[in-house]
PDB file of N, CA and C in Angstrom:
ATOM      1  N   MET A   1     -10.738  10.108  18.984  1.00  0.00           N
ATOM      2  CA  MET A   1     -11.686   9.729  17.958  1.00  0.00           C
ATOM      3  C   MET A   1     -12.098   8.288  18.184  1.00  0.00           C
ATOM      4  N   THR A   2     -13.397   8.047  18.212  1.00  0.00           N
ATOM      5  CA  THR A   2     -13.917   6.733  18.420  1.00  0.00           C
ATOM      6  C   THR A   2     -14.361   6.110  17.118  1.00  0.00           C
ATOM      7  N   LEU A   3     -14.677   4.827  17.154  1.00  0.00           N
ATOM      8  CA  LEU A   3     -15.132   4.144  15.950  1.00  0.00           C
ATOM      9  C   LEU A   3     -16.455   4.682  15.469  1.00  0.00           C
ATOM     10  N   GLY A   4     -17.289   5.141  16.339  1.00  0.00           N
ATOM     11  CA  GLY A   4     -18.593   5.658  15.941  1.00  0.00           C
ATOM     12  C   GLY A   4     -18.561   7.110  15.543  1.00  0.00           C
ATOM     13  N   ASP A   5     -17.392   7.700  15.499  1.00  0.00           N
ATOM     14  CA  ASP A   5     -17.258   9.112  15.154  1.00  0.00           C
ATOM     15  C   ASP A   5     -17.677   9.331  13.697  1.00  0.00           C
ATOM     16  N   SER A   6     -18.448  10.357  13.441  1.00  0.00           N
ATOM     17  CA  SER A   6     -18.927  10.588  12.097  1.00  0.00           C
ATOM     18  C   SER A   6     -18.078  11.647  11.379  1.00  0.00           C
ATOM     19  N   SER A   7     -16.798  11.687  11.677  1.00  0.00           N
ATOM     20  CA  SER A   7     -15.906  12.627  11.022  1.00  0.00           C
ATOM     21  C   SER A   7     -15.814  12.310   9.530  1.00  0.00           C
ATOM     22  N   ASN A   8     -15.565  13.351   8.765  1.00  0.00           N
ATOM     23  CA  ASN A   8     -15.432  13.083   7.337  1.00  0.00           C
ATOM     24  C   ASN A   8     -14.039  12.521   7.041  1.00  0.00           C
ATOM     25  N   PRO A   9     -13.854  11.925   5.864  1.00  0.00           N
ATOM     26  CA  PRO A   9     -12.580  11.289   5.550  1.00  0.00           C
ATOM     27  C   PRO A   9     -11.402  12.240   5.563  1.00  0.00           C
ATOM     28  N   LYS A  10     -11.607  13.487   5.210  1.00  0.00           N
ATOM     29  CA  LYS A  10     -10.497  14.455   5.226  1.00  0.00           C
ATOM     30  C   LYS A  10     -10.035  14.738   6.660  1.00  0.00           C
ATOM     31  N   GLN A  11     -10.939  14.766   7.615  1.00  0.00           N
ATOM     32  CA  GLN A  11     -10.559  14.949   9.009  1.00  0.00           C
ATOM     33  C   GLN A  11      -9.783  13.750   9.511  1.00  0.00           C
ATOM     34  N   ILE A  12     -10.216  12.560   9.142  1.00  0.00           N
ATOM     35  CA  ILE A  12      -9.526  11.341   9.584  1.00  0.00           C
ATOM     36  C   ILE A  12      -8.129  11.309   8.990  1.00  0.00           C
ATOM     37  N   LEU A  13      -8.000  11.647   7.715  1.00  0.00           N
ATOM     38  CA  LEU A  13      -6.681  11.665   7.085  1.00  0.00           C
ATOM     39  C   LEU A  13      -5.781  12.733   7.707  1.00  0.00           C
ATOM     40  N   ALA A  14      -6.334  13.909   8.015  1.00  0.00           N
ATOM     41  CA  ALA A  14      -5.540  14.973   8.614  1.00  0.00           C
ATOM     42  C   ALA A  14      -5.121  14.607  10.030  1.00  0.00           C
ATOM     43  N   SER A  15      -5.889  13.802  10.714  1.00  0.00           N
ATOM     44  CA  SER A  15      -5.527  13.446  12.091  1.00  0.00           C
ATOM     45  C   SER A  15      -4.533  12.300  12.159  1.00  0.00           C
ATOM     46  N   SER A  16      -4.258  11.654  11.026  1.00  0.00           N
ATOM     47  CA  SER A  16      -3.287  10.554  11.037  1.00  0.00           C
ATOM     48  C   SER A  16      -1.849  11.102  10.971  1.00  0.00           C
ATOM     49  N   ALA A  17      -0.954  10.406  11.628  1.00  0.00           N
ATOM     50  CA  ALA A  17       0.436  10.789  11.620  1.00  0.00           C
ATOM     51  C   ALA A  17       1.081  10.338  10.307  1.00  0.00           C
ATOM     52  N   PRO A  18       1.675  11.282   9.526  1.00  0.00           N
ATOM     53  CA  PRO A  18       2.254  10.891   8.252  1.00  0.00           C
ATOM     54  C   PRO A  18       3.340   9.816   8.364  1.00  0.00           C
ATOM     55  N   TRP A  19       4.208   9.929   9.349  1.00  0.00           N
ATOM     56  CA  TRP A  19       5.306   8.973   9.504  1.00  0.00           C
ATOM     57  C   TRP A  19       4.777   7.580   9.852  1.00  0.00           C
ATOM     58  N   LEU A  20       3.718   7.527  10.630  1.00  0.00           N
ATOM     59  CA  LEU A  20       3.148   6.218  11.029  1.00  0.00           C
ATOM     60  C   LEU A  20       2.456   5.558   9.834  1.00  0.00           C
ATOM     61  N   ALA A  21       1.767   6.318   9.045  1.00  0.00           N
ATOM     62  CA  ALA A  21       1.138   5.750   7.854  1.00  0.00           C
ATOM     63  C   ALA A  21       2.178   5.179   6.894  1.00  0.00           C
ATOM     64  N   ALA A  22       3.284   5.912   6.724  1.00  0.00           N
ATOM     65  CA  ALA A  22       4.368   5.420   5.856  1.00  0.00           C
ATOM     66  C   ALA A  22       4.988   4.155   6.402  1.00  0.00           C
ATOM     67  N   CYS A  23       5.270   4.132   7.703  1.00  0.00           N
ATOM     68  CA  CYS A  23       5.856   2.926   8.312  1.00  0.00           C
ATOM     69  C   CYS A  23       4.934   1.738   8.237  1.00  0.00           C
ATOM     70  N   LEU A  24       3.647   1.942   8.448  1.00  0.00           N
ATOM     71  CA  LEU A  24       2.693   0.849   8.381  1.00  0.00           C
ATOM     72  C   LEU A  24       2.536   0.263   6.982  1.00  0.00           C
ATOM     73  N   ASN A  25       2.808   1.068   5.966  1.00  0.00           N
ATOM     74  CA  ASN A  25       2.732   0.543   4.592  1.00  0.00           C
ATOM     75  C   ASN A  25       3.934  -0.304   4.257  1.00  0.00           C
ATOM     76  N   VAL A  26       5.007  -0.209   5.024  1.00  0.00           N
ATOM     77  CA  VAL A  26       6.230  -0.948   4.718  1.00  0.00           C
ATOM     78  C   VAL A  26       6.377  -2.161   5.673  1.00  0.00           C
ATOM     79  N   VAL A  27       6.336  -1.919   6.960  1.00  0.00           N
ATOM     80  CA  VAL A  27       6.741  -2.941   7.931  1.00  0.00           C
ATOM     81  C   VAL A  27       5.764  -4.095   8.078  1.00  0.00           C
ATOM     82  N   PRO A  28       4.506  -3.914   8.518  1.00  0.00           N
ATOM     83  CA  PRO A  28       3.676  -5.101   8.732  1.00  0.00           C
ATOM     84  C   PRO A  28       3.138  -5.714   7.462  1.00  0.00           C
ATOM     85  N   GLY A  29       2.931  -4.926   6.431  1.00  0.00           N
ATOM     86  CA  GLY A  29       2.425  -5.469   5.191  1.00  0.00           C
ATOM     87  C   GLY A  29       1.963  -4.370   4.279  1.00  0.00           C
ATOM     88  N   LEU A  30       1.820  -4.685   3.022  1.00  0.00           N
ATOM     89  CA  LEU A  30       1.415  -3.697   2.035  1.00  0.00           C
ATOM     90  C   LEU A  30       0.035  -3.177   2.337  1.00  0.00           C
ATOM     91  N   GLY A  31      -0.094  -1.865   2.442  1.00  0.00           N
ATOM     92  CA  GLY A  31      -1.399  -1.251   2.601  1.00  0.00           C
ATOM     93  C   GLY A  31      -1.894  -1.079   4.028  1.00  0.00           C
ATOM     94  N   ALA A  32      -1.191  -1.511   5.020  1.00  0.00           N
ATOM     95  CA  ALA A  32      -1.660  -1.373   6.396  1.00  0.00           C
ATOM     96  C   ALA A  32      -1.776   0.106   6.792  1.00  0.00           C
ATOM     97  N   GLY A  33      -0.935   0.946   6.219  1.00  0.00           N
ATOM     98  CA  GLY A  33      -1.027   2.378   6.488  1.00  0.00           C
ATOM     99  C   GLY A  33      -2.314   2.963   5.916  1.00  0.00           C
ATOM    100  N   TYR A  34      -2.821   2.389   4.839  1.00  0.00           N
ATOM    101  CA  TYR A  34      -4.081   2.858   4.293  1.00  0.00           C
ATOM    102  C   TYR A  34      -5.242   2.475   5.200  1.00  0.00           C
ATOM    103  N   ILE A  35      -5.151   1.321   5.847  1.00  0.00           N
ATOM    104  CA  ILE A  35      -6.193   0.939   6.830  1.00  0.00           C
ATOM    105  C   ILE A  35      -6.177   1.921   7.990  1.00  0.00           C
ATOM    106  N   TYR A  36      -4.970   2.277   8.441  1.00  0.00           N
ATOM    107  CA  TYR A  36      -4.814   3.251   9.525  1.00  0.00           C
ATOM    108  C   TYR A  36      -5.448   4.588   9.132  1.00  0.00           C
ATOM    109  N   GLN A  37      -5.306   4.965   7.888  1.00  0.00           N
ATOM    110  CA  GLN A  37      -5.875   6.241   7.396  1.00  0.00           C
ATOM    111  C   GLN A  37      -7.330   6.070   6.947  1.00  0.00           C
ATOM    112  N   ARG A  38      -7.826   4.874   6.972  1.00  0.00           N
ATOM    113  CA  ARG A  38      -9.198   4.543   6.540  1.00  0.00           C
ATOM    114  C   ARG A  38      -9.410   4.944   5.075  1.00  0.00           C
ATOM    115  N   ARG A  39      -8.413   4.617   4.257  1.00  0.00           N
ATOM    116  CA  ARG A  39      -8.485   4.867   2.814  1.00  0.00           C
ATOM    117  C   ARG A  39      -8.628   3.505   2.129  1.00  0.00           C
ATOM    118  N   TRP A  40      -9.866   3.021   2.066  1.00  0.00           N
ATOM    119  CA  TRP A  40     -10.117   1.675   1.627  1.00  0.00           C
ATOM    120  C   TRP A  40      -9.832   1.439   0.150  1.00  0.00           C
ATOM    121  N   ARG A  41     -10.143   2.421  -0.686  1.00  0.00           N
ATOM    122  CA  ARG A  41      -9.898   2.270  -2.120  1.00  0.00           C
ATOM    123  C   ARG A  41      -8.394   2.079  -2.385  1.00  0.00           C
ATOM    124  N   ALA A  42      -7.561   2.895  -1.750  1.00  0.00           N
ATOM    125  CA  ALA A  42      -6.114   2.780  -1.915  1.00  0.00           C
ATOM    126  C   ALA A  42      -5.634   1.431  -1.384  1.00  0.00           C
ATOM    127  N   TYR A  43      -6.206   0.958  -0.293  1.00  0.00           N
ATOM    128  CA  TYR A  43      -5.808  -0.354   0.244  1.00  0.00           C
ATOM    129  C   TYR A  43      -6.119  -1.468  -0.738  1.00  0.00           C
ATOM    130  N   TRP A  44      -7.322  -1.489  -1.288  1.00  0.00           N
ATOM    131  CA  TRP A  44      -7.720  -2.550  -2.179  1.00  0.00           C
ATOM    132  C   TRP A  44      -6.944  -2.520  -3.496  1.00  0.00           C
ATOM    133  N   ILE A  45      -6.627  -1.328  -3.959  1.00  0.00           N
ATOM    134  CA  ILE A  45      -5.802  -1.210  -5.175  1.00  0.00           C
ATOM    135  C   ILE A  45      -4.407  -1.796  -4.904  1.00  0.00           C
ATOM    136  N   THR A  46      -3.834  -1.461  -3.769  1.00  0.00           N
ATOM    137  CA  THR A  46      -2.525  -2.006  -3.397  1.00  0.00           C
ATOM    138  C   THR A  46      -2.565  -3.517  -3.258  1.00  0.00           C
ATOM    139  N   ALA A  47      -3.616  -4.035  -2.624  1.00  0.00           N
ATOM    140  CA  ALA A  47      -3.742  -5.472  -2.449  1.00  0.00           C
ATOM    141  C   ALA A  47      -3.897  -6.165  -3.819  1.00  0.00           C
ATOM    142  N   ALA A  48      -4.640  -5.559  -4.728  1.00  0.00           N
ATOM    143  CA  ALA A  48      -4.822  -6.164  -6.048  1.00  0.00           C
ATOM    144  C   ALA A  48      -3.512  -6.161  -6.832  1.00  0.00           C
ATOM    145  N   VAL A  49      -2.768  -5.048  -6.781  1.00  0.00           N
ATOM    146  CA  VAL A  49      -1.492  -4.988  -7.503  1.00  0.00           C
ATOM    147  C   VAL A  49      -0.516  -6.023  -6.956  1.00  0.00           C
ATOM    148  N   ALA A  50      -0.462  -6.146  -5.632  1.00  0.00           N
ATOM    149  CA  ALA A  50       0.438  -7.139  -5.012  1.00  0.00           C
ATOM    150  C   ALA A  50       0.003  -8.555  -5.396  1.00  0.00           C
ATOM    151  N   GLY A  51      -1.303  -8.803  -5.404  1.00  0.00           N
ATOM    152  CA  GLY A  51      -1.801 -10.117  -5.804  1.00  0.00           C
ATOM    153  C   GLY A  51      -1.479 -10.481  -7.256  1.00  0.00           C
ATOM    154  N   VAL A  52      -1.643  -9.512  -8.144  1.00  0.00           N
ATOM    155  CA  VAL A  52      -1.299  -9.751  -9.550  1.00  0.00           C
ATOM    156  C   VAL A  52       0.189  -9.994  -9.672  1.00  0.00           C
ATOM    157  N   TRP A  53       0.989  -9.201  -8.965  1.00  0.00           N
ATOM    158  CA  TRP A  53       2.457  -9.360  -9.028  1.00  0.00           C
ATOM    159  C   TRP A  53       2.873 -10.766  -8.552  1.00  0.00           C
ATOM    160  N   LEU A  54       2.279 -11.223  -7.472  1.00  0.00           N
ATOM    161  CA  LEU A  54       2.597 -12.566  -6.989  1.00  0.00           C
ATOM    162  C   LEU A  54       2.041 -13.640  -7.919  1.00  0.00           C
ATOM    163  N   GLY A  55       0.902 -13.360  -8.528  1.00  0.00           N
ATOM    164  CA  GLY A  55       0.312 -14.287  -9.482  1.00  0.00           C
ATOM    165  C   GLY A  55       1.163 -14.496 -10.719  1.00  0.00           C
ATOM    166  N   VAL A  56       1.827 -13.418 -11.131  1.00  0.00           N
ATOM    167  CA  VAL A  56       2.732 -13.519 -12.294  1.00  0.00           C
ATOM    168  C   VAL A  56       3.853 -14.502 -11.981  1.00  0.00           C
ATOM    169  N   GLY A  57       4.350 -14.460 -10.770  1.00  0.00           N
ATOM    170  CA  GLY A  57       5.418 -15.368 -10.394  1.00  0.00           C
ATOM    171  C   GLY A  57       4.963 -16.823 -10.273  1.00  0.00           C
ATOM    172  N   ALA A  58       3.659 -17.019 -10.091  1.00  0.00           N
ATOM    173  CA  ALA A  58       3.152 -18.382  -9.964  1.00  0.00           C
ATOM    174  C   ALA A  58       2.908 -19.027 -11.332  1.00  0.00           C
ATOM    175  N   LEU A  59       2.996 -18.258 -12.406  1.00  0.00           N
ATOM    176  CA  LEU A  59       2.838 -18.818 -13.714  1.00  0.00           C
ATOM    177  C   LEU A  59       3.916 -19.829 -14.017  1.00  0.00           C
ATOM    178  N   PRO A  60       3.569 -20.932 -14.617  1.00  0.00           N
ATOM    179  CA  PRO A  60       4.603 -21.931 -14.904  1.00  0.00           C
ATOM    180  C   PRO A  60       5.542 -21.414 -15.999  1.00  0.00           C
ATOM    181  N   ALA A  61       6.809 -21.717 -15.809  1.00  0.00           N
ATOM    182  CA  ALA A  61       7.797 -21.320 -16.809  1.00  0.00           C
ATOM    183  C   ALA A  61       7.719 -22.294 -18.002  1.00  0.00           C
ATOM    184  N   SER A  62       7.713 -21.724 -19.151  1.00  0.00           N
ATOM    185  CA  SER A  62       7.698 -22.529 -20.385  1.00  0.00           C
ATOM    186  C   SER A  62       8.906 -22.106 -21.237  1.00  0.00           C
ATOM    187  N   PRO A  63       9.236 -22.860 -22.234  1.00  0.00           N
ATOM    188  CA  PRO A  63      10.366 -22.457 -23.068  1.00  0.00           C
ATOM    189  C   PRO A  63      10.217 -21.060 -23.681  1.00  0.00           C
ATOM    190  N   SER A  64       8.984 -20.675 -24.001  1.00  0.00           N
ATOM    191  CA  SER A  64       8.802 -19.323 -24.572  1.00  0.00           C
ATOM    192  C   SER A  64       8.820 -18.245 -23.515  1.00  0.00           C
ATOM    193  N   MET A  65       8.651 -18.629 -22.246  1.00  0.00           N
ATOM    194  CA  MET A  65       8.668 -17.653 -21.141  1.00  0.00           C
ATOM    195  C   MET A  65       9.778 -17.994 -20.170  1.00  0.00           C
ATOM    196  N   GLY A  66      10.968 -18.148 -20.666  1.00  0.00           N
ATOM    197  CA  GLY A  66      12.081 -18.545 -19.840  1.00  0.00           C
ATOM    198  C   GLY A  66      12.481 -17.504 -18.790  1.00  0.00           C
ATOM    199  N   ALA A  67      12.046 -16.263 -18.973  1.00  0.00           N
ATOM    200  CA  ALA A  67      12.423 -15.209 -18.040  1.00  0.00           C
ATOM    201  C   ALA A  67      11.844 -15.413 -16.653  1.00  0.00           C
ATOM    202  N   LEU A  68      10.700 -16.102 -16.549  1.00  0.00           N
ATOM    203  CA  LEU A  68      10.071 -16.298 -15.264  1.00  0.00           C
ATOM    204  C   LEU A  68      10.731 -17.401 -14.430  1.00  0.00           C
ATOM    205  N   GLU A  69      11.638 -18.153 -15.005  1.00  0.00           N
ATOM    206  CA  GLU A  69      12.210 -19.257 -14.288  1.00  0.00           C
ATOM    207  C   GLU A  69      12.961 -18.843 -13.014  1.00  0.00           C
ATOM    208  N   GLY A  70      13.710 -17.781 -13.070  1.00  0.00           N
ATOM    209  CA  GLY A  70      14.432 -17.297 -11.887  1.00  0.00           C
ATOM    210  C   GLY A  70      13.829 -16.047 -11.315  1.00  0.00           C
ATOM    211  N   TRP A  71      12.533 -15.892 -11.482  1.00  0.00           N
ATOM    212  CA  TRP A  71      11.827 -14.653 -11.095  1.00  0.00           C
ATOM    213  C   TRP A  71      11.752 -14.549  -9.571  1.00  0.00           C
ATOM    214  N   ASN A  72      12.057 -13.355  -9.050  1.00  0.00           N
ATOM    215  CA  ASN A  72      12.018 -13.072  -7.616  1.00  0.00           C
ATOM    216  C   ASN A  72      11.026 -11.947  -7.386  1.00  0.00           C
ATOM    217  N   PRO A  73       9.941 -12.152  -6.653  1.00  0.00           N
ATOM    218  CA  PRO A  73       8.935 -11.124  -6.457  1.00  0.00           C
ATOM    219  C   PRO A  73       9.337 -10.033  -5.459  1.00  0.00           C
ATOM    220  N   LEU A  74      10.371 -10.267  -4.676  1.00  0.00           N
ATOM    221  CA  LEU A  74      10.701  -9.352  -3.608  1.00  0.00           C
ATOM    222  C   LEU A  74      11.031  -7.934  -4.073  1.00  0.00           C
ATOM    223  N   PRO A  75      11.837  -7.713  -5.102  1.00  0.00           N
ATOM    224  CA  PRO A  75      12.097  -6.324  -5.515  1.00  0.00           C
ATOM    225  C   PRO A  75      10.816  -5.561  -5.899  1.00  0.00           C
ATOM    226  N   GLY A  76       9.919  -6.233  -6.579  1.00  0.00           N
ATOM    227  CA  GLY A  76       8.665  -5.578  -6.954  1.00  0.00           C
ATOM    228  C   GLY A  76       7.815  -5.234  -5.761  1.00  0.00           C
ATOM    229  N   LEU A  77       7.738  -6.142  -4.817  1.00  0.00           N
ATOM    230  CA  LEU A  77       6.943  -5.877  -3.586  1.00  0.00           C
ATOM    231  C   LEU A  77       7.564  -4.775  -2.742  1.00  0.00           C
ATOM    232  N   LEU A  78       8.873  -4.744  -2.681  1.00  0.00           N
ATOM    233  CA  LEU A  78       9.562  -3.654  -1.953  1.00  0.00           C
ATOM    234  C   LEU A  78       9.345  -2.331  -2.633  1.00  0.00           C
ATOM    235  N   GLY A  79       9.350  -2.339  -3.975  1.00  0.00           N
ATOM    236  CA  GLY A  79       9.084  -1.105  -4.717  1.00  0.00           C
ATOM    237  C   GLY A  79       7.664  -0.615  -4.485  1.00  0.00           C
ATOM    238  N   LEU A  80       6.712  -1.534  -4.487  1.00  0.00           N
ATOM    239  CA  LEU A  80       5.332  -1.204  -4.215  1.00  0.00           C
ATOM    240  C   LEU A  80       5.169  -0.637  -2.803  1.00  0.00           C
ATOM    241  N   ALA A  81       5.862  -1.255  -1.835  1.00  0.00           N
ATOM    242  CA  ALA A  81       5.803  -0.783  -0.452  1.00  0.00           C
ATOM    243  C   ALA A  81       6.385   0.648  -0.342  1.00  0.00           C
ATOM    244  N   ALA A  82       7.493   0.902  -1.013  1.00  0.00           N
ATOM    245  CA  ALA A  82       8.091   2.254  -0.986  1.00  0.00           C
ATOM    246  C   ALA A  82       7.162   3.263  -1.634  1.00  0.00           C
ATOM    247  N   LEU A  83       6.573   2.895  -2.756  1.00  0.00           N
ATOM    248  CA  LEU A  83       5.661   3.807  -3.448  1.00  0.00           C
ATOM    249  C   LEU A  83       4.447   4.142  -2.600  1.00  0.00           C
ATOM    250  N   THR A  84       3.828   3.100  -2.008  1.00  0.00           N
ATOM    251  CA  THR A  84       2.628   3.344  -1.187  1.00  0.00           C
ATOM    252  C   THR A  84       2.974   4.090   0.106  1.00  0.00           C
ATOM    253  N   ALA A  85       4.139   3.839   0.651  1.00  0.00           N
ATOM    254  CA  ALA A  85       4.557   4.555   1.862  1.00  0.00           C
ATOM    255  C   ALA A  85       4.725   6.051   1.578  1.00  0.00           C
ATOM    256  N   GLY A  86       5.373   6.343   0.470  1.00  0.00           N
ATOM    257  CA  GLY A  86       5.542   7.764   0.097  1.00  0.00           C
ATOM    258  C   GLY A  86       4.205   8.424  -0.176  1.00  0.00           C
ATOM    259  N   GLU A  87       3.296   7.727  -0.858  1.00  0.00           N
ATOM    260  CA  GLU A  87       2.003   8.297  -1.185  1.00  0.00           C
ATOM    261  C   GLU A  87       1.172   8.540   0.092  1.00  0.00           C
ATOM    262  N   ALA A  88       1.205   7.587   1.024  1.00  0.00           N
ATOM    263  CA  ALA A  88       0.453   7.721   2.280  1.00  0.00           C
ATOM    264  C   ALA A  88       0.998   8.897   3.098  1.00  0.00           C
ATOM    265  N   PHE A  89       2.315   9.035   3.123  1.00  0.00           N
ATOM    266  CA  PHE A  89       2.960  10.130   3.850  1.00  0.00           C
ATOM    267  C   PHE A  89       2.552  11.478   3.261  1.00  0.00           C
ATOM    268  N   LEU A  90       2.644  11.615   1.950  1.00  0.00           N
ATOM    269  CA  LEU A  90       2.303  12.876   1.290  1.00  0.00           C
ATOM    270  C   LEU A  90       0.817  13.199   1.421  1.00  0.00           C
ATOM    271  N   ALA A  91      -0.037  12.194   1.359  1.00  0.00           N
ATOM    272  CA  ALA A  91      -1.488  12.450   1.479  1.00  0.00           C
ATOM    273  C   ALA A  91      -1.805  12.985   2.876  1.00  0.00           C
ATOM    274  N   ALA A  92      -1.195  12.416   3.887  1.00  0.00           N
ATOM    275  CA  ALA A  92      -1.452  12.859   5.257  1.00  0.00           C
ATOM    276  C   ALA A  92      -0.908  14.273   5.470  1.00  0.00           C
ATOM    277  N   ARG A  93       0.265  14.575   4.917  1.00  0.00           N
ATOM    278  CA  ARG A  93       0.837  15.935   5.050  1.00  0.00           C
ATOM    279  C   ARG A  93      -0.016  16.955   4.327  1.00  0.00           C
ATOM    280  N   ARG A  94      -0.472  16.617   3.115  1.00  0.00           N
ATOM    281  CA  ARG A  94      -1.337  17.548   2.367  1.00  0.00           C
ATOM    282  C   ARG A  94      -2.646  17.808   3.118  1.00  0.00           C
ATOM    283  N   ALA A  95      -3.195  16.773   3.738  1.00  0.00           N
ATOM    284  CA  ALA A  95      -4.452  16.934   4.469  1.00  0.00           C
ATOM    285  C   ALA A  95      -4.224  17.788   5.715  1.00  0.00           C
ATOM    286  N   ARG A  96      -3.069  17.696   6.337  1.00  0.00           N
ATOM    287  CA  ARG A  96      -2.790  18.536   7.514  1.00  0.00           C
ATOM    288  C   ARG A  96      -2.594  19.983   7.134  1.00  0.00           C
ATOM    289  N   MET A  97      -2.012  20.250   5.963  1.00  0.00           N
ATOM    290  CA  MET A  97      -1.774  21.623   5.574  1.00  0.00           C
ATOM    291  C   MET A  97      -3.027  22.352   5.124  1.00  0.00           C
ATOM    292  N   ASN A  98      -4.046  21.610   4.703  1.00  0.00           N
ATOM    293  CA  ASN A  98      -5.299  22.242   4.265  1.00  0.00           C
ATOM    294  C   ASN A  98      -6.244  22.453   5.396  1.00  0.00           C
TER     295      ASN A  98
END
């Protein structure tokens, strides 16, 4: 498949390897598996959620918001990576079965 190929999105998704899409969503960065699958809406949603999550951690801690003082974004980002990896894997498998 070349870049100029006019395949429809379902064909592109079905031709992607489910395990590779899942790995790419975890290892190099959030949403890279969606770029591999050419699923731009899912990629931008993931990027926005990760950005908001990191933005919450950048809020200054005040006496009324003492919970953010020791806030660690890593568990949330790992959870998002696991969720998107599973979704990318299942989407590619469903596309292959149809």
